Amino acid sequence: MRTLLPLILFAASICFALGIVLPLIHVDRLYFFADEPSLIGMIAALWRGGDWLLAIVVAMFSVVFPAMKLGLLHNAAYGQAAGAVSIPGWFRALSNWSMLDVILVALVVFAAKTSGLATAFTKPGLWFFAASVMLTATASAVIKRKPRDSAQAAH
């Protein structure tokens, strides 16, 4: 599985980037009006609407922390040959609260703000974001798992 790690991290990074800029949902209101917000668009709309604290929380937990985690995973994966880089425990605990759970809350808040008779459909951004969550979790698990060769050599 370690041989696939660079591919997993690359795919997670691309999916994350696409997930935050592509539309997450398509919302039709009253058959005449439609919105297709991206995560970045939702954060900007919350900010412009005066919900600064919510915009900051969503931005931190859905964009900043996941991007930092991906950066740390890249560092840990490529710096492991030297054995110098590891992911801090406090950041691992914090990253458990990031990504998917907050994006779902953001979607609910955004839908409530655009209330009315509406229908919503998922768009590619949501699927890329979800793929990024799964790929990042996979990469993190692979990095945390100790190689069998070094564990057997220690005995």
N, C-alpha and C. Protein backbone atom coordinates (compact mmCIF):
# COMPACT_ATOMS: atom_id res chain seq x y z
N MET A 1 0.83 -1.20 0.00
CA MET A 1 0.00 0.00 0.00
C MET A 1 0.87 1.26 0.00
N ARG A 2 2.05 1.18 0.61
CA ARG A 2 2.94 2.34 0.64
C ARG A 2 3.37 2.78 -0.75
N THR A 3 3.42 1.83 -1.68
CA THR A 3 3.82 2.20 -3.04
C THR A 3 2.75 3.04 -3.73
N LEU A 4 1.51 2.92 -3.28
CA LEU A 4 0.41 3.72 -3.84
C LEU A 4 0.27 5.08 -3.15
N LEU A 5 0.99 5.30 -2.07
CA LEU A 5 0.84 6.54 -1.29
C LEU A 5 1.01 7.81 -2.12
N PRO A 6 2.03 7.93 -2.97
CA PRO A 6 2.14 9.16 -3.77
C PRO A 6 0.91 9.40 -4.66
N LEU A 7 0.39 8.33 -5.24
CA LEU A 7 -0.80 8.46 -6.09
C LEU A 7 -2.01 8.86 -5.26
N ILE A 8 -2.16 8.27 -4.07
CA ILE A 8 -3.29 8.60 -3.19
C ILE A 8 -3.22 10.08 -2.77
N LEU A 9 -2.03 10.53 -2.39
CA LEU A 9 -1.88 11.93 -1.97
C LEU A 9 -2.12 12.90 -3.13
N PHE A 10 -1.63 12.54 -4.31
CA PHE A 10 -1.85 13.39 -5.49
C PHE A 10 -3.34 13.48 -5.79
N ALA A 11 -4.03 12.33 -5.80
CA ALA A 11 -5.47 12.31 -6.07
C ALA A 11 -6.24 13.08 -5.00
N ALA A 12 -5.86 12.93 -3.73
CA ALA A 12 -6.52 13.66 -2.65
C ALA A 12 -6.36 15.16 -2.83
N SER A 13 -5.18 15.60 -3.22
CA SER A 13 -4.93 17.03 -3.41
C SER A 13 -5.74 17.59 -4.58
N ILE A 14 -5.78 16.86 -5.69
CA ILE A 14 -6.56 17.31 -6.85
C ILE A 14 -8.05 17.33 -6.51
N CYS A 15 -8.54 16.27 -5.87
CA CYS A 15 -9.96 16.22 -5.48
C CYS A 15 -10.32 17.34 -4.51
N PHE A 16 -9.42 17.64 -3.57
CA PHE A 16 -9.68 18.72 -2.62
C PHE A 16 -9.79 20.05 -3.35
N ALA A 17 -8.85 20.32 -4.25
CA ALA A 17 -8.88 21.59 -5.00
C ALA A 17 -10.16 21.71 -5.82
N LEU A 18 -10.52 20.64 -6.51
CA LEU A 18 -11.75 20.67 -7.30
C LEU A 18 -12.99 20.75 -6.40
N GLY A 19 -12.93 20.10 -5.25
CA GLY A 19 -14.07 20.09 -4.33
C GLY A 19 -14.40 21.45 -3.75
N ILE A 20 -13.40 22.30 -3.61
CA ILE A 20 -13.69 23.62 -3.02
C ILE A 20 -14.06 24.67 -4.06
N VAL A 21 -13.74 24.43 -5.34
CA VAL A 21 -14.05 25.45 -6.35
C VAL A 21 -15.22 25.08 -7.27
N LEU A 22 -15.50 23.78 -7.43
CA LEU A 22 -16.63 23.38 -8.27
C LEU A 22 -17.93 23.48 -7.48
N PRO A 23 -19.06 23.65 -8.17
CA PRO A 23 -20.35 23.71 -7.47
C PRO A 23 -20.61 22.43 -6.68
N LEU A 24 -21.14 22.61 -5.45
CA LEU A 24 -21.46 21.48 -4.59
C LEU A 24 -22.89 20.98 -4.81
N ILE A 25 -23.79 21.93 -4.96
CA ILE A 25 -25.20 21.59 -5.14
C ILE A 25 -25.81 22.52 -6.18
N HIS A 26 -26.92 22.06 -6.74
CA HIS A 26 -27.74 22.89 -7.63
C HIS A 26 -29.06 23.07 -6.92
N VAL A 27 -29.42 24.31 -6.66
CA VAL A 27 -30.67 24.61 -5.95
C VAL A 27 -31.58 25.39 -6.89
N ASP A 28 -32.76 24.83 -7.16
CA ASP A 28 -33.79 25.52 -7.93
C ASP A 28 -34.82 26.07 -6.97
N ARG A 29 -35.12 27.37 -7.11
CA ARG A 29 -36.14 28.00 -6.27
C ARG A 29 -37.24 28.55 -7.16
N LEU A 30 -38.43 28.18 -6.85
CA LEU A 30 -39.62 28.69 -7.56
C LEU A 30 -39.52 28.51 -9.07
N TYR A 31 -38.82 27.53 -9.52
CA TYR A 31 -38.68 27.16 -10.93
C TYR A 31 -38.01 28.23 -11.80
N PHE A 32 -37.70 29.40 -11.26
CA PHE A 32 -37.13 30.47 -12.05
C PHE A 32 -35.69 30.80 -11.68
N PHE A 33 -35.36 30.58 -10.42
CA PHE A 33 -34.06 30.97 -9.93
C PHE A 33 -33.24 29.73 -9.58
N ALA A 34 -31.97 29.78 -9.88
CA ALA A 34 -31.10 28.64 -9.58
C ALA A 34 -29.77 29.14 -9.04
N ASP A 35 -29.21 28.38 -8.12
CA ASP A 35 -27.88 28.64 -7.57
C ASP A 35 -27.06 27.37 -7.67
N GLU A 36 -25.78 27.53 -7.93
CA GLU A 36 -24.84 26.42 -7.91
C GLU A 36 -23.59 26.86 -7.15
N PRO A 37 -23.70 26.95 -5.82
CA PRO A 37 -22.58 27.48 -5.04
C PRO A 37 -21.45 26.46 -4.87
N SER A 38 -20.24 26.97 -4.89
CA SER A 38 -19.08 26.18 -4.50
C SER A 38 -18.83 26.43 -3.02
N LEU A 39 -17.91 25.68 -2.44
CA LEU A 39 -17.59 25.91 -1.03
C LEU A 39 -17.02 27.31 -0.84
N ILE A 40 -16.14 27.71 -1.72
CA ILE A 40 -15.58 29.07 -1.65
C ILE A 40 -16.69 30.10 -1.82
N GLY A 41 -17.62 29.84 -2.73
CA GLY A 41 -18.76 30.74 -2.94
C GLY A 41 -19.65 30.84 -1.71
N MET A 42 -19.87 29.71 -1.03
CA MET A 42 -20.68 29.73 0.19
C MET A 42 -20.01 30.55 1.28
N ILE A 43 -18.71 30.37 1.43
CA ILE A 43 -17.98 31.13 2.45
C ILE A 43 -18.06 32.61 2.14
N ALA A 44 -17.88 32.96 0.87
CA ALA A 44 -17.97 34.37 0.47
C ALA A 44 -19.38 34.92 0.71
N ALA A 45 -20.40 34.13 0.41
CA ALA A 45 -21.79 34.58 0.62
C ALA A 45 -22.08 34.77 2.11
N LEU A 46 -21.59 33.86 2.94
CA LEU A 46 -21.76 34.03 4.38
C LEU A 46 -21.07 35.31 4.85
N TRP A 47 -19.87 35.57 4.35
CA TRP A 47 -19.11 36.76 4.73
C TRP A 47 -19.86 38.02 4.30
N ARG A 48 -20.29 38.04 3.03
CA ARG A 48 -21.02 39.22 2.52
C ARG A 48 -22.35 39.42 3.25
N GLY A 49 -22.96 38.31 3.70
CA GLY A 49 -24.23 38.39 4.42
C GLY A 49 -24.09 38.81 5.87
N GLY A 50 -22.87 39.05 6.32
CA GLY A 50 -22.66 39.49 7.69
C GLY A 50 -22.42 38.37 8.69
N ASP A 51 -22.41 37.14 8.23
CA ASP A 51 -22.15 36.01 9.12
C ASP A 51 -20.65 35.71 9.16
N TRP A 52 -19.87 36.66 9.65
CA TRP A 52 -18.41 36.56 9.62
C TRP A 52 -17.89 35.38 10.44
N LEU A 53 -18.43 35.21 11.63
CA LEU A 53 -17.95 34.13 12.48
C LEU A 53 -18.20 32.77 11.83
N LEU A 54 -19.40 32.57 11.30
CA LEU A 54 -19.72 31.32 10.63
C LEU A 54 -18.84 31.13 9.39
N ALA A 55 -18.61 32.20 8.64
CA ALA A 55 -17.75 32.12 7.46
C ALA A 55 -16.33 31.71 7.86
N ILE A 56 -15.84 32.27 8.95
CA ILE A 56 -14.49 31.94 9.42
C ILE A 56 -14.42 30.48 9.88
N VAL A 57 -15.41 30.04 10.63
CA VAL A 57 -15.43 28.65 11.13
C VAL A 57 -15.48 27.67 9.96
N VAL A 58 -16.37 27.93 9.00
CA VAL A 58 -16.48 27.04 7.84
C VAL A 58 -15.18 27.07 7.04
N ALA A 59 -14.61 28.25 6.84
CA ALA A 59 -13.36 28.34 6.09
C ALA A 59 -12.22 27.60 6.80
N MET A 60 -12.13 27.76 8.10
CA MET A 60 -11.05 27.10 8.84
C MET A 60 -11.18 25.58 8.79
N PHE A 61 -12.37 25.07 9.09
CA PHE A 61 -12.54 23.62 9.20
C PHE A 61 -12.76 22.92 7.86
N SER A 62 -13.19 23.64 6.84
CA SER A 62 -13.45 22.99 5.55
C SER A 62 -12.40 23.29 4.50
N VAL A 63 -11.59 24.33 4.71
CA VAL A 63 -10.57 24.66 3.71
C VAL A 63 -9.17 24.69 4.33
N VAL A 64 -8.97 25.51 5.36
CA VAL A 64 -7.63 25.71 5.91
C VAL A 64 -7.07 24.45 6.57
N PHE A 65 -7.80 23.87 7.53
CA PHE A 65 -7.30 22.68 8.22
C PHE A 65 -7.10 21.49 7.29
N PRO A 66 -8.06 21.21 6.38
CA PRO A 66 -7.81 20.11 5.45
C PRO A 66 -6.60 20.35 4.54
N ALA A 67 -6.41 21.61 4.10
CA ALA A 67 -5.24 21.92 3.27
C ALA A 67 -3.95 21.73 4.07
N MET A 68 -3.97 22.16 5.34
CA MET A 68 -2.79 21.95 6.19
C MET A 68 -2.53 20.47 6.41
N LYS A 69 -3.61 19.70 6.62
CA LYS A 69 -3.45 18.26 6.83
C LYS A 69 -2.85 17.61 5.59
N LEU A 70 -3.34 17.98 4.41
CA LEU A 70 -2.76 17.44 3.18
C LEU A 70 -1.28 17.81 3.06
N GLY A 71 -0.94 19.05 3.40
CA GLY A 71 0.46 19.46 3.37
C GLY A 71 1.31 18.66 4.33
N LEU A 72 0.80 18.45 5.55
CA LEU A 72 1.53 17.65 6.52
C LEU A 72 1.66 16.19 6.08
N LEU A 73 0.62 15.66 5.45
CA LEU A 73 0.70 14.29 4.94
C LEU A 73 1.74 14.16 3.83
N HIS A 74 1.79 15.16 2.96
CA HIS A 74 2.82 15.16 1.91
C HIS A 74 4.21 15.21 2.55
N ASN A 75 4.36 16.07 3.55
CA ASN A 75 5.64 16.17 4.26
C ASN A 75 6.01 14.86 4.94
N ALA A 76 5.04 14.26 5.62
CA ALA A 76 5.29 13.01 6.34
C ALA A 76 5.63 11.89 5.36
N ALA A 77 4.94 11.85 4.24
CA ALA A 77 5.16 10.78 3.26
C ALA A 77 6.53 10.89 2.60
N TYR A 78 6.90 12.09 2.23
CA TYR A 78 8.15 12.26 1.49
C TYR A 78 9.32 12.55 2.40
N GLY A 79 9.04 12.91 3.65
CA GLY A 79 10.11 13.16 4.61
C GLY A 79 10.41 11.94 5.46
N GLN A 80 9.63 10.86 5.31
CA GLN A 80 9.83 9.68 6.12
C GLN A 80 11.12 8.96 5.82
N ALA A 81 11.64 9.12 4.62
CA ALA A 81 12.90 8.46 4.28
C ALA A 81 13.99 8.96 5.24
N ALA A 82 13.92 10.25 5.58
CA ALA A 82 14.87 10.81 6.52
C ALA A 82 14.41 10.58 7.96
N GLY A 83 13.14 10.23 8.13
CA GLY A 83 12.58 9.95 9.45
C GLY A 83 12.38 11.18 10.31
N ALA A 84 12.36 12.36 9.70
CA ALA A 84 12.33 13.59 10.48
C ALA A 84 10.95 14.19 10.65
N VAL A 85 9.99 13.85 9.80
CA VAL A 85 8.71 14.54 9.80
C VAL A 85 7.62 13.63 10.34
N SER A 86 6.81 14.18 11.25
CA SER A 86 5.64 13.45 11.74
C SER A 86 4.50 14.44 11.92
N ILE A 87 3.29 13.93 12.01
CA ILE A 87 2.12 14.77 12.18
C ILE A 87 1.88 14.96 13.68
N PRO A 88 1.83 16.21 14.14
CA PRO A 88 1.63 16.46 15.57
C PRO A 88 0.29 15.90 16.06
N GLY A 89 0.28 15.40 17.29
CA GLY A 89 -0.93 14.82 17.87
C GLY A 89 -2.08 15.80 17.96
N TRP A 90 -1.80 17.06 18.33
CA TRP A 90 -2.86 18.05 18.44
C TRP A 90 -3.52 18.30 17.10
N PHE A 91 -2.73 18.22 16.02
CA PHE A 91 -3.30 18.47 14.70
C PHE A 91 -4.15 17.29 14.24
N ARG A 92 -3.72 16.07 14.59
CA ARG A 92 -4.52 14.89 14.26
C ARG A 92 -5.88 14.96 14.94
N ALA A 93 -5.90 15.37 16.21
CA ALA A 93 -7.16 15.49 16.94
C ALA A 93 -8.04 16.57 16.32
N LEU A 94 -7.45 17.69 15.96
CA LEU A 94 -8.20 18.78 15.37
C LEU A 94 -8.73 18.41 13.99
N SER A 95 -7.95 17.68 13.22
CA SER A 95 -8.37 17.33 11.86
C SER A 95 -9.52 16.35 11.85
N ASN A 96 -9.76 15.65 12.97
CA ASN A 96 -10.91 14.75 13.04
C ASN A 96 -12.22 15.52 12.92
N TRP A 97 -12.20 16.80 13.24
CA TRP A 97 -13.41 17.63 13.18
C TRP A 97 -13.56 18.36 11.86
N SER A 98 -12.62 18.20 10.98
CA SER A 98 -12.65 18.96 9.74
C SER A 98 -13.34 18.20 8.62
N MET A 99 -13.48 18.86 7.53
CA MET A 99 -13.96 18.38 6.25
C MET A 99 -15.43 18.03 6.18
N LEU A 100 -15.77 16.76 6.18
CA LEU A 100 -17.10 16.34 5.78
C LEU A 100 -18.20 16.83 6.70
N ASP A 101 -18.00 16.74 8.02
CA ASP A 101 -19.07 17.15 8.94
C ASP A 101 -19.37 18.64 8.81
N VAL A 102 -18.36 19.46 8.66
CA VAL A 102 -18.58 20.90 8.58
C VAL A 102 -19.18 21.29 7.23
N ILE A 103 -18.78 20.60 6.18
CA ILE A 103 -19.35 20.92 4.88
C ILE A 103 -20.85 20.63 4.87
N LEU A 104 -21.26 19.57 5.55
CA LEU A 104 -22.69 19.26 5.63
C LEU A 104 -23.43 20.35 6.39
N VAL A 105 -22.84 20.85 7.46
CA VAL A 105 -23.45 21.95 8.21
C VAL A 105 -23.54 23.19 7.32
N ALA A 106 -22.49 23.47 6.58
CA ALA A 106 -22.48 24.64 5.70
C ALA A 106 -23.57 24.53 4.64
N LEU A 107 -23.77 23.34 4.09
CA LEU A 107 -24.82 23.14 3.10
C LEU A 107 -26.20 23.41 3.70
N VAL A 108 -26.42 22.93 4.91
CA VAL A 108 -27.71 23.15 5.57
C VAL A 108 -27.93 24.64 5.82
N VAL A 109 -26.90 25.33 6.33
CA VAL A 109 -27.02 26.76 6.60
C VAL A 109 -27.28 27.52 5.30
N PHE A 110 -26.55 27.18 4.26
CA PHE A 110 -26.74 27.88 2.99
C PHE A 110 -28.15 27.64 2.44
N ALA A 111 -28.64 26.40 2.54
CA ALA A 111 -29.99 26.11 2.07
C ALA A 111 -31.03 26.89 2.88
N ALA A 112 -30.81 27.02 4.19
CA ALA A 112 -31.74 27.78 5.03
C ALA A 112 -31.73 29.25 4.65
N LYS A 113 -30.56 29.78 4.31
CA LYS A 113 -30.46 31.20 3.94
C LYS A 113 -31.15 31.48 2.61
N THR A 114 -31.20 30.49 1.75
CA THR A 114 -31.86 30.68 0.45
C THR A 114 -33.22 30.00 0.48
N SER A 115 -33.94 30.19 1.58
CA SER A 115 -35.21 29.50 1.79
C SER A 115 -36.24 29.88 0.73
N GLY A 116 -37.22 29.09 0.66
CA GLY A 116 -38.27 29.23 -0.33
C GLY A 116 -38.59 27.85 -0.85
N LEU A 117 -39.42 27.78 -1.84
CA LEU A 117 -39.73 26.49 -2.45
C LEU A 117 -38.53 26.11 -3.30
N ALA A 118 -37.80 25.13 -2.85
CA ALA A 118 -36.55 24.81 -3.52
C ALA A 118 -36.36 23.31 -3.67
N THR A 119 -35.59 22.95 -4.68
CA THR A 119 -35.12 21.58 -4.83
C THR A 119 -33.61 21.65 -4.99
N ALA A 120 -32.94 20.62 -4.54
CA ALA A 120 -31.48 20.63 -4.59
C ALA A 120 -30.96 19.32 -5.17
N PHE A 121 -29.91 19.41 -5.95
CA PHE A 121 -29.26 18.25 -6.54
C PHE A 121 -27.76 18.37 -6.31
N THR A 122 -27.12 17.24 -6.07
CA THR A 122 -25.67 17.28 -5.87
C THR A 122 -24.96 17.56 -7.18
N LYS A 123 -23.82 18.20 -7.06
CA LYS A 123 -22.99 18.54 -8.21
C LYS A 123 -21.59 17.93 -8.01
N PRO A 124 -20.74 17.98 -9.01
CA PRO A 124 -19.43 17.33 -8.92
C PRO A 124 -18.55 17.79 -7.76
N GLY A 125 -18.66 19.04 -7.36
CA GLY A 125 -17.83 19.54 -6.26
C GLY A 125 -18.01 18.74 -4.99
N LEU A 126 -19.26 18.35 -4.69
CA LEU A 126 -19.53 17.57 -3.49
C LEU A 126 -18.86 16.20 -3.58
N TRP A 127 -18.90 15.59 -4.74
CA TRP A 127 -18.30 14.26 -4.92
C TRP A 127 -16.78 14.33 -4.87
N PHE A 128 -16.20 15.39 -5.45
CA PHE A 128 -14.75 15.55 -5.36
C PHE A 128 -14.33 15.80 -3.91
N PHE A 129 -15.12 16.59 -3.20
CA PHE A 129 -14.80 16.88 -1.80
C PHE A 129 -14.87 15.60 -0.97
N ALA A 130 -15.92 14.80 -1.18
CA ALA A 130 -16.06 13.54 -0.46
C ALA A 130 -14.91 12.59 -0.80
N ALA A 131 -14.51 12.54 -2.07
CA ALA A 131 -13.38 11.70 -2.48
C ALA A 131 -12.10 12.16 -1.79
N SER A 132 -11.93 13.47 -1.67
CA SER A 132 -10.76 14.01 -0.98
C SER A 132 -10.73 13.57 0.47
N VAL A 133 -11.89 13.60 1.13
CA VAL A 133 -11.99 13.18 2.53
C VAL A 133 -11.54 11.72 2.66
N MET A 134 -12.06 10.87 1.80
CA MET A 134 -11.73 9.44 1.87
C MET A 134 -10.27 9.17 1.52
N LEU A 135 -9.76 9.83 0.50
CA LEU A 135 -8.36 9.63 0.11
C LEU A 135 -7.40 10.17 1.16
N THR A 136 -7.73 11.29 1.77
CA THR A 136 -6.89 11.84 2.84
C THR A 136 -6.87 10.91 4.04
N ALA A 137 -8.03 10.37 4.40
CA ALA A 137 -8.09 9.43 5.52
C ALA A 137 -7.28 8.17 5.21
N THR A 138 -7.34 7.70 3.97
CA THR A 138 -6.56 6.53 3.56
C THR A 138 -5.07 6.82 3.63
N ALA A 139 -4.66 7.98 3.11
CA ALA A 139 -3.24 8.35 3.16
C ALA A 139 -2.76 8.48 4.59
N SER A 140 -3.58 9.06 5.46
CA SER A 140 -3.21 9.20 6.86
C SER A 140 -3.03 7.84 7.52
N ALA A 141 -3.93 6.91 7.23
CA ALA A 141 -3.82 5.56 7.80
C ALA A 141 -2.57 4.84 7.30
N VAL A 142 -2.25 5.02 6.04
CA VAL A 142 -1.05 4.37 5.47
C VAL A 142 0.21 4.94 6.12
N ILE A 143 0.24 6.25 6.32
CA ILE A 143 1.42 6.89 6.91
C ILE A 143 1.57 6.48 8.37
N LYS A 144 0.46 6.38 9.10
CA LYS A 144 0.51 6.01 10.52
C LYS A 144 0.97 4.57 10.71
N ARG A 145 0.62 3.70 9.76
CA ARG A 145 0.98 2.29 9.87
C ARG A 145 2.48 2.13 9.68
N LYS A 146 3.10 1.44 10.60
CA LYS A 146 4.54 1.23 10.54
C LYS A 146 4.85 0.15 9.52
N PRO A 147 5.92 0.32 8.73
CA PRO A 147 6.30 -0.72 7.79
C PRO A 147 6.68 -2.00 8.52
N ARG A 148 6.32 -3.15 7.95
CA ARG A 148 6.59 -4.44 8.60
C ARG A 148 8.08 -4.73 8.70
N ASP A 149 8.85 -4.30 7.72
CA ASP A 149 10.29 -4.55 7.75
C ASP A 149 10.96 -3.94 8.96
N SER A 150 10.64 -2.68 9.26
CA SER A 150 11.28 -2.01 10.39
C SER A 150 10.77 -2.56 11.71
N ALA A 151 9.51 -3.00 11.76
CA ALA A 151 8.97 -3.57 12.99
C ALA A 151 9.60 -4.92 13.27
N GLN A 152 9.85 -5.72 12.24
CA GLN A 152 10.47 -7.02 12.43
C GLN A 152 11.95 -6.87 12.73
N ALA A 153 12.61 -5.85 12.18
CA ALA A 153 14.03 -5.63 12.43
C ALA A 153 14.28 -5.21 13.86
N ALA A 154 13.29 -4.60 14.50
CA ALA A 154 13.45 -4.14 15.89
C ALA A 154 13.44 -5.31 16.87
N HIS A 155 12.87 -6.44 16.47
CA HIS A 155 12.79 -7.60 17.38
C HIS A 155 14.01 -8.39 17.36
